[in-house]
Protein backbone atom coordinates (compact mmCIF):
# COMPACT_ATOMS: atom_id res chain seq x y z
CA MET A 1 -6.31 49.95 -6.83
CA SER A 2 -7.39 46.36 -7.41
CA LYS A 3 -10.53 45.65 -9.39
CA PHE A 4 -11.19 42.29 -7.70
CA ASP A 5 -10.60 40.82 -4.27
CA ALA A 6 -9.95 37.47 -5.95
CA MET A 7 -9.86 35.76 -9.32
CA VAL A 8 -11.47 32.33 -8.99
CA GLY A 9 -10.08 29.50 -11.08
CA MET A 10 -13.28 28.19 -12.68
CA SER A 11 -12.84 24.61 -13.91
CA GLY A 12 -16.48 24.00 -14.78
CA GLY A 13 -16.80 21.60 -11.86
CA VAL A 14 -18.85 21.69 -8.68
CA ASP A 15 -15.93 22.55 -6.38
CA SER A 16 -14.89 25.77 -8.13
CA SER A 17 -18.58 26.69 -8.54
CA VAL A 18 -19.15 26.58 -4.79
CA ALA A 19 -15.82 28.28 -4.08
CA ALA A 20 -16.99 31.24 -6.17
CA LEU A 21 -20.44 31.21 -4.57
CA ARG A 22 -19.03 31.31 -1.03
CA LEU A 23 -16.78 34.26 -1.83
CA LYS A 24 -19.65 36.09 -3.49
CA GLN A 25 -21.91 35.48 -0.50
CA ALA A 26 -19.16 36.78 1.82
CA GLY A 27 -19.30 40.10 -0.02
CA HIS A 28 -16.09 39.79 -2.02
CA GLU A 29 -15.68 41.37 -5.44
CA ILE A 30 -14.66 38.43 -7.61
CA ALA A 31 -14.27 37.29 -11.21
CA GLY A 32 -13.84 33.86 -12.76
CA LEU A 33 -11.06 32.66 -15.04
CA PHE A 34 -11.14 29.41 -17.02
CA MET A 35 -7.73 27.90 -17.76
CA GLN A 36 -7.24 25.74 -20.84
CA ASN A 37 -4.03 23.83 -20.21
CA TRP A 38 -4.14 21.36 -23.10
CA ASP A 39 -5.02 21.84 -26.76
CA ASP A 40 -7.46 19.11 -27.76
CA ASP A 41 -5.79 16.68 -30.17
CA GLY A 42 -9.11 15.08 -31.13
CA ALA A 43 -8.12 11.67 -29.79
CA GLY A 44 -9.37 11.89 -26.21
CA GLU A 45 -12.23 13.18 -24.16
CA CYS A 46 -10.72 16.04 -22.21
CA ARG A 47 -14.04 17.89 -22.56
CA ALA A 48 -12.41 21.32 -22.25
CA GLU A 49 -15.13 23.04 -24.26
CA ASP A 50 -17.91 21.46 -22.18
CA ASP A 51 -16.12 22.53 -19.00
CA ARG A 52 -15.70 26.05 -20.36
CA ARG A 53 -19.43 26.30 -21.09
CA ASP A 54 -20.23 25.17 -17.54
CA ALA A 55 -17.81 27.77 -16.13
CA VAL A 56 -19.43 30.51 -18.24
CA ALA A 57 -22.89 29.44 -17.01
CA ILE A 58 -21.86 29.55 -13.34
CA CYS A 59 -20.25 32.97 -13.69
CA GLY A 60 -23.39 34.22 -15.44
CA LYS A 61 -25.61 32.88 -12.67
CA LEU A 62 -23.41 34.57 -10.06
CA GLY A 63 -23.26 37.79 -12.05
CA ILE A 64 -19.47 37.97 -12.05
CA PRO A 65 -17.08 38.73 -14.93
CA PHE A 66 -15.70 35.74 -16.85
CA PHE A 67 -12.26 35.45 -18.41
CA SER A 68 -10.66 32.62 -20.36
CA ARG A 69 -6.98 32.03 -21.03
CA ASN A 70 -5.07 29.36 -22.93
CA PHE A 71 -2.01 28.21 -21.00
CA ALA A 72 -1.33 25.17 -23.21
CA ARG A 73 2.11 26.38 -24.30
CA GLN A 74 3.19 27.02 -20.72
CA TYR A 75 1.78 23.65 -19.68
CA TRP A 76 3.69 21.87 -22.44
CA ASP A 77 6.96 23.60 -21.55
CA SER A 78 6.68 23.41 -17.76
CA VAL A 79 4.78 20.18 -17.18
CA PHE A 80 4.35 17.89 -20.17
CA GLU A 81 7.98 17.81 -21.37
CA HIS A 82 9.03 16.90 -17.83
CA PHE A 83 6.31 14.23 -17.77
CA LEU A 84 7.75 12.61 -20.91
CA SER A 85 11.38 12.83 -19.80
CA GLU A 86 10.52 11.10 -16.52
CA TYR A 87 8.79 8.23 -18.31
CA ARG A 88 11.76 7.90 -20.67
CA ALA A 89 13.95 7.43 -17.61
CA GLY A 90 11.65 4.66 -16.35
CA ARG A 91 10.20 6.77 -13.55
CA THR A 92 6.56 7.55 -12.76
CA PRO A 93 6.02 11.32 -12.57
CA ASN A 94 3.19 13.18 -10.86
CA PRO A 95 2.17 15.97 -13.26
CA ASP A 96 -0.49 17.35 -10.88
CA VAL A 97 2.18 18.55 -8.44
CA LEU A 98 4.08 20.37 -11.18
CA CYS A 99 0.88 21.75 -12.74
CA ASN A 100 -0.15 23.27 -9.41
CA ARG A 101 3.22 24.87 -8.80
CA GLU A 102 3.95 26.10 -12.32
CA ILE A 103 0.52 26.75 -13.85
CA LYS A 104 -2.30 27.14 -11.33
CA PHE A 105 -0.32 28.99 -8.67
CA ARG A 106 2.22 30.81 -10.84
CA THR A 107 1.00 31.42 -14.40
CA PHE A 108 -2.62 31.79 -13.26
CA LEU A 109 -1.58 33.99 -10.33
CA ASP A 110 0.42 36.27 -12.65
CA GLU A 111 -2.52 36.54 -15.06
CA ALA A 112 -4.96 37.22 -12.21
CA ARG A 113 -2.78 40.08 -10.99
CA ALA A 114 -2.54 41.46 -14.52
CA LEU A 115 -6.36 41.50 -14.60
CA GLY A 116 -6.49 43.44 -11.35
CA ALA A 117 -7.03 40.76 -8.71
CA GLU A 118 -5.37 40.82 -5.29
CA ARG A 119 -5.60 37.07 -4.81
CA ILE A 120 -6.62 33.86 -6.48
CA ALA A 121 -9.08 31.26 -5.22
CA THR A 122 -9.58 27.64 -6.27
CA GLY A 123 -11.83 24.72 -5.44
CA HIS A 124 -9.05 22.64 -3.90
CA TYR A 125 -9.70 20.81 -0.66
CA ALA A 126 -7.09 22.45 1.55
CA ARG A 127 -6.76 25.38 3.96
CA VAL A 128 -4.32 28.24 4.49
CA GLU A 129 -3.70 29.82 7.89
CA GLU A 130 -1.49 32.77 8.75
CA ARG A 131 0.43 32.48 12.02
CA ASN A 132 3.01 35.04 13.11
CA GLY A 133 3.48 36.27 9.56
CA ARG A 134 3.94 32.77 8.11
CA PHE A 135 1.35 31.07 5.94
CA ARG A 136 0.69 27.42 6.73
CA LEU A 137 -0.80 24.88 4.34
CA LEU A 138 -3.32 22.78 6.28
CA ARG A 139 -5.22 19.65 5.43
CA ALA A 140 -8.86 19.98 4.42
CA LEU A 141 -11.38 19.12 7.11
CA ASP A 142 -12.72 16.42 4.78
CA THR A 143 -9.68 14.15 5.08
CA GLY A 144 -11.01 11.85 2.37
CA LYS A 145 -10.82 14.70 -0.17
CA ASP A 146 -7.72 16.50 1.17
CA GLN A 147 -5.46 17.65 -1.70
CA THR A 148 -2.45 19.00 0.17
CA TYR A 149 -0.39 16.13 -1.25
CA PHE A 150 -0.65 17.80 -4.67
CA LEU A 151 -0.17 21.31 -3.26
CA HIS A 152 2.94 20.67 -1.16
CA ALA A 153 5.27 22.54 -3.54
CA LEU A 154 3.56 25.91 -2.96
CA GLY A 155 5.71 28.51 -1.23
CA GLN A 156 4.93 31.55 0.88
CA GLU A 157 4.19 33.86 -2.06
CA ALA A 158 1.55 31.55 -3.51
CA LEU A 159 0.03 30.65 -0.13
CA SER A 160 -0.20 34.31 0.93
CA ALA A 161 -2.16 35.11 -2.24
CA THR A 162 -4.52 32.11 -2.25
CA TRP A 163 -7.93 31.34 -0.79
CA PHE A 164 -9.37 27.82 -0.59
CA PRO A 165 -13.05 28.63 0.12
CA ILE A 166 -14.28 25.03 0.44
CA GLY A 167 -11.43 23.62 2.52
CA ASP A 168 -13.67 23.50 5.59
CA LEU A 169 -16.51 21.61 3.89
CA PRO A 170 -17.18 17.92 3.26
CA LYS A 171 -17.73 17.04 -0.39
CA ALA A 172 -21.34 16.00 0.19
CA GLN A 173 -22.14 19.44 1.58
CA VAL A 174 -20.45 21.11 -1.40
CA ARG A 175 -22.82 19.24 -3.72
CA ASP A 176 -25.81 20.15 -1.53
CA ILE A 177 -24.85 23.84 -1.64
CA ALA A 178 -24.50 23.71 -5.43
CA LYS A 179 -27.88 21.99 -5.79
CA GLU A 180 -29.60 24.56 -3.54
CA ALA A 181 -28.02 27.35 -5.61
CA GLY A 182 -29.44 25.83 -8.79
CA PHE A 183 -26.03 25.04 -10.30
CA ALA A 184 -26.13 22.43 -13.06
CA THR A 185 -22.69 21.33 -11.86
CA HIS A 186 -24.09 19.96 -8.57
CA ALA A 187 -24.28 16.42 -9.98
CA LYS A 188 -21.34 16.67 -12.36
CA LYS A 189 -18.92 13.78 -12.10
CA ASP A 190 -15.56 14.62 -10.58
CA SER A 191 -12.71 14.72 -13.06
CA THR A 192 -10.15 11.97 -12.56
CA GLY A 193 -6.72 11.32 -13.93
CA ILE A 194 -4.80 13.70 -16.16
CA CYS A 195 -6.75 15.97 -18.49
CA PHE A 196 -4.47 15.56 -21.50
CA ILE A 197 -5.10 11.81 -21.42
CA GLY A 198 -8.83 12.00 -20.74
CA GLU A 199 -10.80 8.79 -21.16
CA ARG A 200 -8.45 7.20 -23.66
CA ASP A 201 -6.15 4.27 -22.90
CA PHE A 202 -3.06 5.51 -21.06
CA ARG A 203 -0.69 3.10 -22.78
CA GLN A 204 -2.00 4.06 -26.20
CA PHE A 205 -1.59 7.75 -25.41
CA LEU A 206 1.94 7.40 -24.09
CA SER A 207 3.02 5.25 -27.06
CA THR A 208 2.37 8.21 -29.42
CA TYR A 209 5.22 10.05 -27.67
CA LEU A 210 7.35 7.13 -26.45
CA PRO A 211 7.45 4.30 -29.02
CA ALA A 212 6.86 0.93 -27.42
CA LYS A 213 9.84 -1.41 -27.08
CA PRO A 214 8.70 -4.89 -26.04
CA GLY A 215 10.95 -6.87 -23.73
CA ILE A 216 11.14 -9.76 -21.30
CA ILE A 217 9.19 -10.09 -18.06
CA ARG A 218 11.27 -11.88 -15.42
CA ASP A 219 10.73 -12.92 -11.84
CA PRO A 220 13.13 -11.50 -9.18
CA HIS A 221 15.50 -14.43 -9.75
CA GLY A 222 15.77 -13.80 -13.49
CA VAL A 223 13.43 -16.51 -14.76
CA ALA A 224 11.64 -15.41 -17.96
CA LEU A 225 7.85 -15.47 -17.65
CA GLY A 226 6.55 -13.56 -20.64
CA GLU A 227 6.82 -10.36 -22.69
CA HIS A 228 5.95 -6.78 -21.75
CA ALA A 229 4.84 -3.97 -24.07
CA GLY A 230 7.52 -1.51 -22.90
CA VAL A 231 8.87 -0.76 -19.42
CA PHE A 232 7.69 2.88 -19.71
CA PHE A 233 4.08 1.73 -19.40
CA TYR A 234 4.36 0.08 -15.98
CA THR A 235 4.79 1.33 -12.44
CA LEU A 236 5.76 -0.35 -9.19
CA GLY A 237 2.94 -2.22 -7.52
CA GLN A 238 0.92 -2.43 -10.75
CA ARG A 239 -1.18 -5.56 -11.22
CA GLU A 240 -3.22 -4.89 -14.36
CA GLY A 241 -1.93 -5.19 -17.91
CA LEU A 242 0.75 -7.82 -17.35
CA ASN A 243 -1.07 -10.53 -19.33
CA LEU A 244 0.47 -13.28 -17.25
CA GLY A 245 -1.94 -16.17 -16.94
CA GLY A 246 -1.15 -19.39 -15.19
CA VAL A 247 2.62 -19.97 -15.07
CA ARG A 248 3.71 -23.59 -14.91
CA GLY A 249 4.97 -24.51 -11.47
CA ARG A 250 3.72 -21.25 -9.86
CA PRO A 251 0.70 -20.73 -7.57
CA GLN A 252 -2.54 -19.32 -8.99
CA ALA A 253 -1.96 -15.87 -7.52
CA PRO A 254 -1.77 -12.38 -9.06
CA TRP A 255 1.51 -10.90 -10.27
CA PHE A 256 2.72 -7.41 -9.41
CA VAL A 257 5.46 -5.19 -10.85
CA VAL A 258 8.35 -5.14 -8.38
CA GLY A 259 11.13 -3.61 -10.46
CA LYS A 260 12.18 -2.11 -13.81
CA ASP A 261 15.52 -2.12 -15.60
CA VAL A 262 15.20 0.51 -18.33
CA LYS A 263 18.71 0.00 -19.66
CA GLU A 264 18.18 -3.73 -20.22
CA ASN A 265 14.44 -3.31 -20.95
CA ILE A 266 13.44 -5.85 -18.31
CA LEU A 267 10.28 -5.79 -16.21
CA TYR A 268 10.43 -7.68 -12.91
CA VAL A 269 7.31 -9.17 -11.34
CA ASP A 270 6.50 -11.24 -8.28
CA GLN A 271 3.46 -12.82 -6.71
CA GLY A 272 1.94 -11.38 -3.57
CA HIS A 273 0.53 -7.92 -2.87
CA ASP A 274 3.21 -7.31 -0.22
CA SER A 275 6.15 -8.98 -1.94
CA GLU A 276 9.45 -8.36 -0.16
CA PHE A 277 10.91 -7.20 -3.47
CA MET A 278 8.86 -3.99 -3.50
CA ARG A 279 9.21 -3.12 0.16
CA SER A 280 11.62 -0.49 1.45
CA THR A 281 12.40 1.37 4.65
CA LYS A 282 14.53 4.20 3.23
CA LEU A 283 14.42 6.65 0.36
CA ARG A 284 16.47 9.49 -1.06
CA ALA A 285 14.61 12.48 -2.50
CA SER A 286 15.65 15.58 -4.44
CA SER A 287 14.16 18.95 -5.45
CA ALA A 288 12.81 19.47 -1.95
CA THR A 289 10.41 22.34 -1.34
CA PHE A 290 9.07 23.45 2.02
CA THR A 291 6.06 25.71 2.45
CA ALA A 292 7.93 27.78 5.04
CA GLY A 293 10.83 28.31 2.61
CA GLN A 294 13.20 25.97 4.42
CA ALA A 295 13.20 22.65 6.24
CA PRO A 296 12.08 22.64 9.89
CA ALA A 297 15.59 21.50 10.88
CA GLU A 298 18.58 19.61 9.49
CA ALA A 299 16.99 16.51 10.99
CA PHE A 300 13.39 16.12 12.10
CA ASP A 301 10.65 13.60 12.80
CA CYS A 302 7.28 13.82 11.08
CA THR A 303 4.83 11.72 9.12
CA ALA A 304 4.87 11.29 5.35
CA LYS A 305 2.98 9.94 2.35
CA THR A 306 4.64 8.46 -0.72
CA ARG A 307 1.34 8.32 -2.65
CA TYR A 308 -1.89 10.28 -2.51
CA ARG A 309 -4.28 7.84 -0.86
CA GLN A 310 -1.75 6.43 1.58
CA ALA A 311 -2.18 6.78 5.34
CA ASP A 312 0.46 8.86 7.13
CA GLU A 313 3.59 6.93 8.08
CA ALA A 314 6.05 7.94 10.80
CA CYS A 315 9.55 8.75 9.55
CA HIS A 316 12.82 10.54 10.28
CA VAL A 317 14.15 13.06 7.76
CA ARG A 318 17.71 14.30 7.32
CA VAL A 319 18.74 17.12 5.00
CA LEU A 320 21.94 16.12 3.18
CA GLY A 321 24.75 18.47 2.23
CA ASN A 322 23.59 18.73 -1.39
CA GLY A 323 20.02 19.56 -0.36
CA ASP A 324 18.68 16.06 -0.99
CA LEU A 325 16.68 14.36 1.73
CA HIS A 326 17.27 11.01 3.39
CA VAL A 327 14.02 9.58 4.76
CA GLU A 328 13.79 6.51 6.99
CA PHE A 329 10.41 5.04 7.91
CA ASP A 330 9.55 3.28 11.15
CA HIS A 331 7.92 0.48 9.16
CA PRO A 332 8.52 -0.98 5.67
CA GLN A 333 6.66 0.77 2.86
CA ARG A 334 5.10 -0.83 -0.22
CA ALA A 335 5.97 0.17 -3.81
CA VAL A 336 7.70 3.48 -3.09
CA THR A 337 8.10 4.79 -6.63
CA PRO A 338 10.90 6.99 -8.05
CA GLY A 339 9.42 10.06 -9.74
CA GLN A 340 6.53 10.30 -7.29
CA SER A 341 6.48 12.70 -4.34
CA VAL A 342 7.17 12.10 -0.68
CA VAL A 343 5.13 14.68 1.25
CA PHE A 344 5.70 15.60 4.90
CA TYR A 345 3.20 16.48 7.62
CA ASP A 346 3.23 17.73 11.19
CA GLY A 347 -0.27 16.99 12.38
CA GLU A 348 -2.67 18.96 10.18
CA GLU A 349 0.10 21.05 8.57
CA CYS A 350 1.70 20.05 5.27
CA LEU A 351 5.39 20.92 5.59
CA GLY A 352 6.42 20.31 1.97
CA GLY A 353 7.86 17.47 -0.03
CA ALA A 354 10.39 16.22 -2.55
CA VAL A 355 10.76 13.92 -5.57
CA ILE A 356 11.69 10.31 -4.79
CA GLU A 357 14.97 9.32 -6.45
CA ALA A 358 15.88 5.95 -4.96
CA THR A 359 14.96 3.48 -2.22
CA ASN A 360 16.55 0.47 -0.54
CA ALA A 361 14.10 -1.92 -2.20
CA PRO A 362 15.99 -4.98 -3.52
CA LEU A 363 15.38 -4.31 -7.25
CA ASP A 364 15.72 -0.51 -7.29
CA PRO A 365 18.35 0.15 -10.03
CA ASN A 366 19.68 3.04 -7.92
CA ARG A 367 19.39 1.10 -4.68
CA MET A 368 20.59 2.93 -1.58
CA ASP A 369 23.40 0.98 0.05
CA SER A 370 24.23 3.40 2.85
CA ASP A 371 22.64 5.99 5.11
CA THR A 372 24.60 8.77 3.40
CA GLN A 373 22.98 8.29 0.00
C-alpha cells in the first residue's frame, strides 16, 4: 500500500510551492522531494542550497515530509555529456528536454515510487487528460507560461503517473495564492537558463569544457569580416557577441549568425533580422517521440514550434522509413537550429517532437537537397 498519493518535486520556487499547496488542500497525502541535479563547482550562482532551504521551509509550513536526493551523477551521464557532444558537433542542444525525460520524469519518478508514492507532481505549466485510456499532454491555460515544448518527450508511463496541479492557473494567480498562504517564495524571481551555468557568462563556462578555437567570420559570399572566439559559442540567429562594428562599404545595420562550418571553423554572418540565408521551409528530424507512443499517421498535418517562444506554424509531417521525420512548413521559418527540438501540436494537445538534424537553409552544412532526406 502506498504511503503517499504523490511526491511533489520541490524546487524551492513559487510554482512547486503552490502545486504542493493545491494537492494538500484537495486532501491528498503528499510529500516533497528536492532534486539536486548539479554539484556546485564554486564558479557560478546555481543557488542550490538556497533553493533547498526554501523547499524545506515550504514543506514545513505545509506539514508534509521532506526528502532530498542528489541526482548529479545521473544528470551528468544522461544530460550534460550529451550537451557537450552536441556543442562539439556545432549544434545547439536543449538540455531542458532531456532533463525532463531522463531526470525529472524517470529518475525522480523511480525514486518517488521507491519512497512509496503512487504519482509525482511538479510545478510545470501543462495539463494531462485521460481520454479512452490514453493520456494526453495539453497546453497550460496560461499560454504565455506553457511548458509543453520542454515536456514533449514524455510517454504514456510518465504522463499516467504525473499531476500538474497549476496547469490551469495564470502565473499571476499562482503568486497571489502563494502570498495569501504566507509563502516566502511568492515574490521569488523565476529561475532562467540552465542551472549548471547559473549567472556566469555562458561562453566562459563552455570554454572550460570545450577549449576556444578562434577563426574567421565571413559573410555568405566568403568575404572575411573579422574573427570569432570559437564556432561552438554561437547559434543561428544570434546577434550579440559578434564584435563587428562598422564594416567598410556595408550599411550600419546589425549582423546575425546565419551559418556555421565546424570543420573549417568558419562563422557566417549577414545583415538583416530576416536574412534569406537563415530562412528555411523544410527540416529533417531524428529521435522522434510521440506522447501516444507512435505518430498519428505516416503523414499528417499539424502545427509546430522550432523554438520555445515561437508562435505555432502550420506544417506537413512525413515519417520516413528509418523513423526520421520530414517536416515542410507552409511559410519560411527563421533560424531553424540543428540540435533544437521541433514540437508538434494538434490544437491544445502536444503530440510529441524530435531533434532537428538539417534544414534547406542555404548555409546548412547538411542542407537537404530533396524531399526524401
